[in-house]
Amino acid sequence: MPLLCNLIFLYELVVFARILLDWIHLPYDHPVAKLRDGLGIVVDPVLRPIRRVIPPVRLGGVGLDLSPLVLLVGLSLLQGIVCR
């Protein structure tokens, strides 16, 4: 089980990194933008079903996407169950 626990933790880090990099607006050819896109390939397939169930919360003219937060809470719960 330690391998599975480590994989869950690593995926949590990837999700968190994706959240942080989404806040940075960069040109598409910038290396950090390419890293963000690469992380998106790993994270977005898991976030899409959550986004279908939980739409963005409207805050004035801005939409706050809560799906990464829901994913991180779910991963934490899974880690708590699997990694006791």
PDB file of N, CA and C in Angstrom:
ATOM      1  N   MET A   1       0.791  -1.212   0.000  1.00  0.00           N
ATOM      2  CA  MET A   1       0.000   0.000   0.000  1.00  0.00           C
ATOM      3  C   MET A   1       0.838   1.283   0.000  1.00  0.00           C
ATOM      4  N   PRO A   2       2.087   1.255   0.451  1.00  0.00           N
ATOM      5  CA  PRO A   2       2.851   2.513   0.430  1.00  0.00           C
ATOM      6  C   PRO A   2       2.981   3.097  -0.975  1.00  0.00           C
ATOM      7  N   LEU A   3       3.065   2.261  -2.002  1.00  0.00           N
ATOM      8  CA  LEU A   3       3.164   2.763  -3.368  1.00  0.00           C
ATOM      9  C   LEU A   3       1.894   3.515  -3.745  1.00  0.00           C
ATOM     10  N   LEU A   4       0.741   2.949  -3.432  1.00  0.00           N
ATOM     11  CA  LEU A   4      -0.529   3.604  -3.738  1.00  0.00           C
ATOM     12  C   LEU A   4      -0.662   4.921  -2.970  1.00  0.00           C
ATOM     13  N   CYS A   5      -0.248   4.925  -1.720  1.00  0.00           N
ATOM     14  CA  CYS A   5      -0.288   6.152  -0.911  1.00  0.00           C
ATOM     15  C   CYS A   5       0.605   7.230  -1.523  1.00  0.00           C
ATOM     16  N   ASN A   6       1.769   6.842  -1.969  1.00  0.00           N
ATOM     17  CA  ASN A   6       2.688   7.796  -2.599  1.00  0.00           C
ATOM     18  C   ASN A   6       2.133   8.320  -3.925  1.00  0.00           C
ATOM     19  N   LEU A   7       1.464   7.456  -4.693  1.00  0.00           N
ATOM     20  CA  LEU A   7       0.864   7.889  -5.955  1.00  0.00           C
ATOM     21  C   LEU A   7      -0.266   8.887  -5.721  1.00  0.00           C
ATOM     22  N   ILE A   8      -1.073   8.632  -4.699  1.00  0.00           N
ATOM     23  CA  ILE A   8      -2.151   9.570  -4.369  1.00  0.00           C
ATOM     24  C   ILE A   8      -1.559  10.915  -3.963  1.00  0.00           C
ATOM     25  N   PHE A   9      -0.525  10.887  -3.135  1.00  0.00           N
ATOM     26  CA  PHE A   9       0.127  12.127  -2.707  1.00  0.00           C
ATOM     27  C   PHE A   9       0.728  12.864  -3.902  1.00  0.00           C
ATOM     28  N   LEU A  10       1.376  12.142  -4.796  1.00  0.00           N
ATOM     29  CA  LEU A  10       1.965  12.757  -5.988  1.00  0.00           C
ATOM     30  C   LEU A  10       0.885  13.387  -6.862  1.00  0.00           C
ATOM     31  N   TYR A  11      -0.250  12.703  -7.011  1.00  0.00           N
ATOM     32  CA  TYR A  11      -1.342  13.249  -7.815  1.00  0.00           C
ATOM     33  C   TYR A  11      -1.913  14.512  -7.161  1.00  0.00           C
ATOM     34  N   GLU A  12      -1.975  14.535  -5.819  1.00  0.00           N
ATOM     35  CA  GLU A  12      -2.406  15.743  -5.120  1.00  0.00           C
ATOM     36  C   GLU A  12      -1.472  16.911  -5.440  1.00  0.00           C
ATOM     37  N   LEU A  13      -0.176  16.646  -5.470  1.00  0.00           N
ATOM     38  CA  LEU A  13       0.788  17.691  -5.807  1.00  0.00           C
ATOM     39  C   LEU A  13       0.600  18.182  -7.237  1.00  0.00           C
ATOM     40  N   VAL A  14       0.321  17.267  -8.147  1.00  0.00           N
ATOM     41  CA  VAL A  14       0.100  17.635  -9.554  1.00  0.00           C
ATOM     42  C   VAL A  14      -1.142  18.514  -9.669  1.00  0.00           C
ATOM     43  N   VAL A  15      -2.218  18.138  -8.973  1.00  0.00           N
ATOM     44  CA  VAL A  15      -3.449  18.943  -9.005  1.00  0.00           C
ATOM     45  C   VAL A  15      -3.171  20.334  -8.437  1.00  0.00           C
ATOM     46  N   PHE A  16      -2.466  20.390  -7.316  1.00  0.00           N
ATOM     47  CA  PHE A  16      -2.154  21.678  -6.696  1.00  0.00           C
ATOM     48  C   PHE A  16      -1.286  22.532  -7.616  1.00  0.00           C
ATOM     49  N   ALA A  17      -0.304  21.928  -8.265  1.00  0.00           N
ATOM     50  CA  ALA A  17       0.548  22.665  -9.202  1.00  0.00           C
ATOM     51  C   ALA A  17      -0.279  23.196 -10.369  1.00  0.00           C
ATOM     52  N   ARG A  18      -1.201  22.402 -10.850  1.00  0.00           N
ATOM     53  CA  ARG A  18      -2.067  22.843 -11.952  1.00  0.00           C
ATOM     54  C   ARG A  18      -2.907  24.045 -11.526  1.00  0.00           C
ATOM     55  N   ILE A  19      -3.428  24.010 -10.292  1.00  0.00           N
ATOM     56  CA  ILE A  19      -4.216  25.135  -9.781  1.00  0.00           C
ATOM     57  C   ILE A  19      -3.362  26.408  -9.773  1.00  0.00           C
ATOM     58  N   LEU A  20      -2.158  26.312  -9.240  1.00  0.00           N
ATOM     59  CA  LEU A  20      -1.293  27.488  -9.159  1.00  0.00           C
ATOM     60  C   LEU A  20      -0.918  28.016 -10.543  1.00  0.00           C
ATOM     61  N   LEU A  21      -0.595  27.116 -11.452  1.00  0.00           N
ATOM     62  CA  LEU A  21      -0.172  27.550 -12.789  1.00  0.00           C
ATOM     63  C   LEU A  21      -1.327  28.100 -13.616  1.00  0.00           C
ATOM     64  N   ASP A  22      -2.563  27.723 -13.284  1.00  0.00           N
ATOM     65  CA  ASP A  22      -3.709  28.285 -13.996  1.00  0.00           C
ATOM     66  C   ASP A  22      -3.880  29.773 -13.711  1.00  0.00           C
ATOM     67  N   TRP A  23      -3.378  30.249 -12.607  1.00  0.00           N
ATOM     68  CA  TRP A  23      -3.500  31.661 -12.248  1.00  0.00           C
ATOM     69  C   TRP A  23      -2.509  32.538 -13.007  1.00  0.00           C
ATOM     70  N   ILE A  24      -1.492  31.937 -13.592  1.00  0.00           N
ATOM     71  CA  ILE A  24      -0.452  32.694 -14.286  1.00  0.00           C
ATOM     72  C   ILE A  24      -0.792  32.752 -15.771  1.00  0.00           C
ATOM     73  N   HIS A  25      -0.925  33.948 -16.292  1.00  0.00           N
ATOM     74  CA  HIS A  25      -1.227  34.120 -17.711  1.00  0.00           C
ATOM     75  C   HIS A  25       0.086  34.285 -18.478  1.00  0.00           C
ATOM     76  N   LEU A  26       0.356  33.324 -19.348  1.00  0.00           N
ATOM     77  CA  LEU A  26       1.599  33.308 -20.124  1.00  0.00           C
ATOM     78  C   LEU A  26       1.289  33.044 -21.590  1.00  0.00           C
ATOM     79  N   PRO A  27       2.193  33.445 -22.485  1.00  0.00           N
ATOM     80  CA  PRO A  27       2.022  33.070 -23.895  1.00  0.00           C
ATOM     81  C   PRO A  27       2.081  31.542 -24.047  1.00  0.00           C
ATOM     82  N   TYR A  28       1.418  31.050 -25.075  1.00  0.00           N
ATOM     83  CA  TYR A  28       1.340  29.599 -25.266  1.00  0.00           C
ATOM     84  C   TYR A  28       2.690  28.939 -25.500  1.00  0.00           C
ATOM     85  N   ASP A  29       3.661  29.675 -26.021  1.00  0.00           N
ATOM     86  CA  ASP A  29       4.961  29.078 -26.308  1.00  0.00           C
ATOM     87  C   ASP A  29       5.940  29.173 -25.133  1.00  0.00           C
ATOM     88  N   HIS A  30       5.506  29.703 -24.015  1.00  0.00           N
ATOM     89  CA  HIS A  30       6.359  29.811 -22.828  1.00  0.00           C
ATOM     90  C   HIS A  30       6.529  28.426 -22.188  1.00  0.00           C
ATOM     91  N   PRO A  31       7.725  28.079 -21.694  1.00  0.00           N
ATOM     92  CA  PRO A  31       7.939  26.752 -21.103  1.00  0.00           C
ATOM     93  C   PRO A  31       7.014  26.439 -19.921  1.00  0.00           C
ATOM     94  N   VAL A  32       6.700  27.441 -19.108  1.00  0.00           N
ATOM     95  CA  VAL A  32       5.804  27.196 -17.978  1.00  0.00           C
ATOM     96  C   VAL A  32       4.388  26.925 -18.475  1.00  0.00           C
ATOM     97  N   ALA A  33       3.982  27.577 -19.553  1.00  0.00           N
ATOM     98  CA  ALA A  33       2.669  27.310 -20.143  1.00  0.00           C
ATOM     99  C   ALA A  33       2.615  25.881 -20.684  1.00  0.00           C
ATOM    100  N   LYS A  34       3.723  25.418 -21.231  1.00  0.00           N
ATOM    101  CA  LYS A  34       3.764  24.036 -21.723  1.00  0.00           C
ATOM    102  C   LYS A  34       3.690  23.048 -20.564  1.00  0.00           C
ATOM    103  N   LEU A  35       4.325  23.386 -19.444  1.00  0.00           N
ATOM    104  CA  LEU A  35       4.233  22.547 -18.250  1.00  0.00           C
ATOM    105  C   LEU A  35       2.796  22.515 -17.750  1.00  0.00           C
ATOM    106  N   ARG A  36       2.138  23.676 -17.714  1.00  0.00           N
ATOM    107  CA  ARG A  36       0.739  23.758 -17.297  1.00  0.00           C
ATOM    108  C   ARG A  36      -0.142  22.890 -18.193  1.00  0.00           C
ATOM    109  N   ASP A  37       0.096  22.941 -19.491  1.00  0.00           N
ATOM    110  CA  ASP A  37      -0.683  22.129 -20.421  1.00  0.00           C
ATOM    111  C   ASP A  37      -0.428  20.644 -20.208  1.00  0.00           C
ATOM    112  N   GLY A  38       0.820  20.288 -19.919  1.00  0.00           N
ATOM    113  CA  GLY A  38       1.142  18.890 -19.635  1.00  0.00           C
ATOM    114  C   GLY A  38       0.455  18.392 -18.369  1.00  0.00           C
ATOM    115  N   LEU A  39       0.424  19.231 -17.347  1.00  0.00           N
ATOM    116  CA  LEU A  39      -0.290  18.861 -16.125  1.00  0.00           C
ATOM    117  C   LEU A  39      -1.783  18.748 -16.391  1.00  0.00           C
ATOM    118  N   GLY A  40      -2.278  19.594 -17.282  1.00  0.00           N
ATOM    119  CA  GLY A  40      -3.694  19.538 -17.646  1.00  0.00           C
ATOM    120  C   GLY A  40      -4.065  18.221 -18.300  1.00  0.00           C
ATOM    121  N   ILE A  41      -3.154  17.652 -19.071  1.00  0.00           N
ATOM    122  CA  ILE A  41      -3.414  16.352 -19.703  1.00  0.00           C
ATOM    123  C   ILE A  41      -3.630  15.275 -18.645  1.00  0.00           C
ATOM    124  N   VAL A  42      -2.943  15.411 -17.515  1.00  0.00           N
ATOM    125  CA  VAL A  42      -3.053  14.423 -16.439  1.00  0.00           C
ATOM    126  C   VAL A  42      -4.263  14.702 -15.545  1.00  0.00           C
ATOM    127  N   VAL A  43      -4.570  15.975 -15.308  1.00  0.00           N
ATOM    128  CA  VAL A  43      -5.588  16.343 -14.323  1.00  0.00           C
ATOM    129  C   VAL A  43      -6.979  16.525 -14.940  1.00  0.00           C
ATOM    130  N   ASP A  44      -7.065  17.119 -16.114  1.00  0.00           N
ATOM    131  CA  ASP A  44      -8.359  17.471 -16.695  1.00  0.00           C
ATOM    132  C   ASP A  44      -9.316  16.292 -16.911  1.00  0.00           C
ATOM    133  N   PRO A  45      -8.853  15.104 -17.320  1.00  0.00           N
ATOM    134  CA  PRO A  45      -9.812  13.998 -17.464  1.00  0.00           C
ATOM    135  C   PRO A  45     -10.533  13.636 -16.159  1.00  0.00           C
ATOM    136  N   VAL A  46      -9.894  13.877 -15.034  1.00  0.00           N
ATOM    137  CA  VAL A  46     -10.533  13.600 -13.746  1.00  0.00           C
ATOM    138  C   VAL A  46     -11.437  14.769 -13.343  1.00  0.00           C
ATOM    139  N   LEU A  47     -11.054  15.985 -13.722  1.00  0.00           N
ATOM    140  CA  LEU A  47     -11.844  17.159 -13.354  1.00  0.00           C
ATOM    141  C   LEU A  47     -13.116  17.311 -14.188  1.00  0.00           C
ATOM    142  N   ARG A  48     -13.107  16.844 -15.429  1.00  0.00           N
ATOM    143  CA  ARG A  48     -14.267  17.034 -16.314  1.00  0.00           C
ATOM    144  C   ARG A  48     -15.564  16.489 -15.731  1.00  0.00           C
ATOM    145  N   PRO A  49     -15.600  15.254 -15.217  1.00  0.00           N
ATOM    146  CA  PRO A  49     -16.873  14.767 -14.635  1.00  0.00           C
ATOM    147  C   PRO A  49     -17.312  15.579 -13.421  1.00  0.00           C
ATOM    148  N   ILE A  50     -16.358  16.046 -12.635  1.00  0.00           N
ATOM    149  CA  ILE A  50     -16.702  16.859 -11.464  1.00  0.00           C
ATOM    150  C   ILE A  50     -17.280  18.198 -11.921  1.00  0.00           C
ATOM    151  N   ARG A  51     -16.714  18.770 -12.976  1.00  0.00           N
ATOM    152  CA  ARG A  51     -17.203  20.050 -13.504  1.00  0.00           C
ATOM    153  C   ARG A  51     -18.614  19.928 -14.074  1.00  0.00           C
ATOM    154  N   ARG A  52     -18.955  18.742 -14.592  1.00  0.00           N
ATOM    155  CA  ARG A  52     -20.313  18.548 -15.101  1.00  0.00           C
ATOM    156  C   ARG A  52     -21.332  18.566 -13.966  1.00  0.00           C
ATOM    157  N   VAL A  53     -20.930  18.079 -12.793  1.00  0.00           N
ATOM    158  CA  VAL A  53     -21.838  18.021 -11.639  1.00  0.00           C
ATOM    159  C   VAL A  53     -21.849  19.341 -10.876  1.00  0.00           C
ATOM    160  N   ILE A  54     -20.679  19.967 -10.722  1.00  0.00           N
ATOM    161  CA  ILE A  54     -20.549  21.203  -9.945  1.00  0.00           C
ATOM    162  C   ILE A  54     -20.116  22.325 -10.891  1.00  0.00           C
ATOM    163  N   PRO A  55     -21.068  23.167 -11.303  1.00  0.00           N
ATOM    164  CA  PRO A  55     -20.693  24.271 -12.201  1.00  0.00           C
ATOM    165  C   PRO A  55     -19.904  25.337 -11.438  1.00  0.00           C
ATOM    166  N   PRO A  56     -19.197  26.210 -12.163  1.00  0.00           N
ATOM    167  CA  PRO A  56     -18.458  27.293 -11.497  1.00  0.00           C
ATOM    168  C   PRO A  56     -19.404  28.210 -10.715  1.00  0.00           C
ATOM    169  N   VAL A  57     -18.936  28.672  -9.577  1.00  0.00           N
ATOM    170  CA  VAL A  57     -19.689  29.617  -8.757  1.00  0.00           C
ATOM    171  C   VAL A  57     -19.447  31.016  -9.312  1.00  0.00           C
ATOM    172  N   ARG A  58     -20.513  31.739  -9.608  1.00  0.00           N
ATOM    173  CA  ARG A  58     -20.380  33.079 -10.172  1.00  0.00           C
ATOM    174  C   ARG A  58     -20.132  34.085  -9.060  1.00  0.00           C
ATOM    175  N   LEU A  59     -19.050  34.830  -9.192  1.00  0.00           N
ATOM    176  CA  LEU A  59     -18.707  35.902  -8.260  1.00  0.00           C
ATOM    177  C   LEU A  59     -18.569  37.185  -9.067  1.00  0.00           C
ATOM    178  N   GLY A  60     -19.671  37.868  -9.268  1.00  0.00           N
ATOM    179  CA  GLY A  60     -19.653  39.045 -10.134  1.00  0.00           C
ATOM    180  C   GLY A  60     -19.449  38.596 -11.565  1.00  0.00           C
ATOM    181  N   GLY A  61     -18.404  39.090 -12.199  1.00  0.00           N
ATOM    182  CA  GLY A  61     -18.116  38.703 -13.577  1.00  0.00           C
ATOM    183  C   GLY A  61     -17.134  37.558 -13.690  1.00  0.00           C
ATOM    184  N   VAL A  62     -16.815  36.930 -12.558  1.00  0.00           N
ATOM    185  CA  VAL A  62     -15.804  35.875 -12.536  1.00  0.00           C
ATOM    186  C   VAL A  62     -16.450  34.566 -12.097  1.00  0.00           C
ATOM    187  N   GLY A  63     -16.025  33.467 -12.697  1.00  0.00           N
ATOM    188  CA  GLY A  63     -16.487  32.153 -12.281  1.00  0.00           C
ATOM    189  C   GLY A  63     -15.407  31.437 -11.494  1.00  0.00           C
ATOM    190  N   LEU A  64     -15.739  30.951 -10.319  1.00  0.00           N
ATOM    191  CA  LEU A  64     -14.788  30.238  -9.476  1.00  0.00           C
ATOM    192  C   LEU A  64     -15.023  28.742  -9.642  1.00  0.00           C
ATOM    193  N   ASP A  65     -14.036  28.058 -10.192  1.00  0.00           N
ATOM    194  CA  ASP A  65     -14.114  26.616 -10.434  1.00  0.00           C
ATOM    195  C   ASP A  65     -13.750  25.867  -9.150  1.00  0.00           C
ATOM    196  N   LEU A  66     -14.717  25.173  -8.576  1.00  0.00           N
ATOM    197  CA  LEU A  66     -14.490  24.444  -7.334  1.00  0.00           C
ATOM    198  C   LEU A  66     -14.095  22.989  -7.559  1.00  0.00           C
ATOM    199  N   SER A  67     -14.060  22.546  -8.803  1.00  0.00           N
ATOM    200  CA  SER A  67     -13.772  21.136  -9.070  1.00  0.00           C
ATOM    201  C   SER A  67     -12.388  20.686  -8.576  1.00  0.00           C
ATOM    202  N   PRO A  68     -11.328  21.491  -8.692  1.00  0.00           N
ATOM    203  CA  PRO A  68     -10.050  21.030  -8.140  1.00  0.00           C
ATOM    204  C   PRO A  68     -10.091  20.860  -6.621  1.00  0.00           C
ATOM    205  N   LEU A  69     -10.829  21.728  -5.954  1.00  0.00           N
ATOM    206  CA  LEU A  69     -10.969  21.607  -4.503  1.00  0.00           C
ATOM    207  C   LEU A  69     -11.707  20.328  -4.139  1.00  0.00           C
ATOM    208  N   VAL A  70     -12.776  20.027  -4.878  1.00  0.00           N
ATOM    209  CA  VAL A  70     -13.525  18.786  -4.639  1.00  0.00           C
ATOM    210  C   VAL A  70     -12.629  17.579  -4.894  1.00  0.00           C
ATOM    211  N   LEU A  71     -11.828  17.631  -5.947  1.00  0.00           N
ATOM    212  CA  LEU A  71     -10.905  16.532  -6.249  1.00  0.00           C
ATOM    213  C   LEU A  71      -9.878  16.359  -5.131  1.00  0.00           C
ATOM    214  N   LEU A  72      -9.317  17.455  -4.639  1.00  0.00           N
ATOM    215  CA  LEU A  72      -8.329  17.358  -3.563  1.00  0.00           C
ATOM    216  C   LEU A  72      -8.948  16.799  -2.285  1.00  0.00           C
ATOM    217  N   VAL A  73     -10.177  17.189  -1.970  1.00  0.00           N
ATOM    218  CA  VAL A  73     -10.859  16.634  -0.792  1.00  0.00           C
ATOM    219  C   VAL A  73     -11.102  15.144  -0.988  1.00  0.00           C
ATOM    220  N   GLY A  74     -11.538  14.761  -2.178  1.00  0.00           N
ATOM    221  CA  GLY A  74     -11.760  13.341  -2.471  1.00  0.00           C
ATOM    222  C   GLY A  74     -10.474  12.531  -2.380  1.00  0.00           C
ATOM    223  N   LEU A  75      -9.384  13.075  -2.893  1.00  0.00           N
ATOM    224  CA  LEU A  75      -8.100  12.378  -2.806  1.00  0.00           C
ATOM    225  C   LEU A  75      -7.640  12.257  -1.359  1.00  0.00           C
ATOM    226  N   SER A  76      -7.894  13.281  -0.565  1.00  0.00           N
ATOM    227  CA  SER A  76      -7.534  13.225   0.855  1.00  0.00           C
ATOM    228  C   SER A  76      -8.333  12.151   1.582  1.00  0.00           C
ATOM    229  N   LEU A  77      -9.623  12.083   1.263  1.00  0.00           N
ATOM    230  CA  LEU A  77     -10.455  11.035   1.873  1.00  0.00           C
ATOM    231  C   LEU A  77      -9.973   9.647   1.455  1.00  0.00           C
ATOM    232  N   LEU A  78      -9.685   9.495   0.175  1.00  0.00           N
ATOM    233  CA  LEU A  78      -9.174   8.215  -0.321  1.00  0.00           C
ATOM    234  C   LEU A  78      -7.863   7.852   0.354  1.00  0.00           C
ATOM    235  N   GLN A  79      -7.000   8.817   0.508  1.00  0.00           N
ATOM    236  CA  GLN A  79      -5.717   8.584   1.168  1.00  0.00           C
ATOM    237  C   GLN A  79      -5.927   8.189   2.624  1.00  0.00           C
ATOM    238  N   GLY A  80      -6.890   8.821   3.289  1.00  0.00           N
ATOM    239  CA  GLY A  80      -7.190   8.470   4.665  1.00  0.00           C
ATOM    240  C   GLY A  80      -7.722   7.055   4.827  1.00  0.00           C
ATOM    241  N   ILE A  81      -8.486   6.606   3.837  1.00  0.00           N
ATOM    242  CA  ILE A  81      -9.041   5.249   3.895  1.00  0.00           C
ATOM    243  C   ILE A  81      -7.979   4.217   3.554  1.00  0.00           C
ATOM    244  N   VAL A  82      -7.221   4.454   2.505  1.00  0.00           N
ATOM    245  CA  VAL A  82      -6.262   3.470   1.990  1.00  0.00           C
ATOM    246  C   VAL A  82      -4.978   3.421   2.819  1.00  0.00           C
ATOM    247  N   CYS A  83      -4.554   4.555   3.325  1.00  0.00           N
ATOM    248  CA  CYS A  83      -3.209   4.665   3.909  1.00  0.00           C
ATOM    249  C   CYS A  83      -3.207   4.682   5.438  1.00  0.00           C
ATOM    250  N   ARG A  84      -4.129   4.038   6.053  1.00  0.00           N
ATOM    251  CA  ARG A  84      -4.127   4.013   7.527  1.00  0.00           C
ATOM    252  C   ARG A  84      -2.984   3.229   8.065  1.00  0.00           C
TER     253      ARG A  84
END
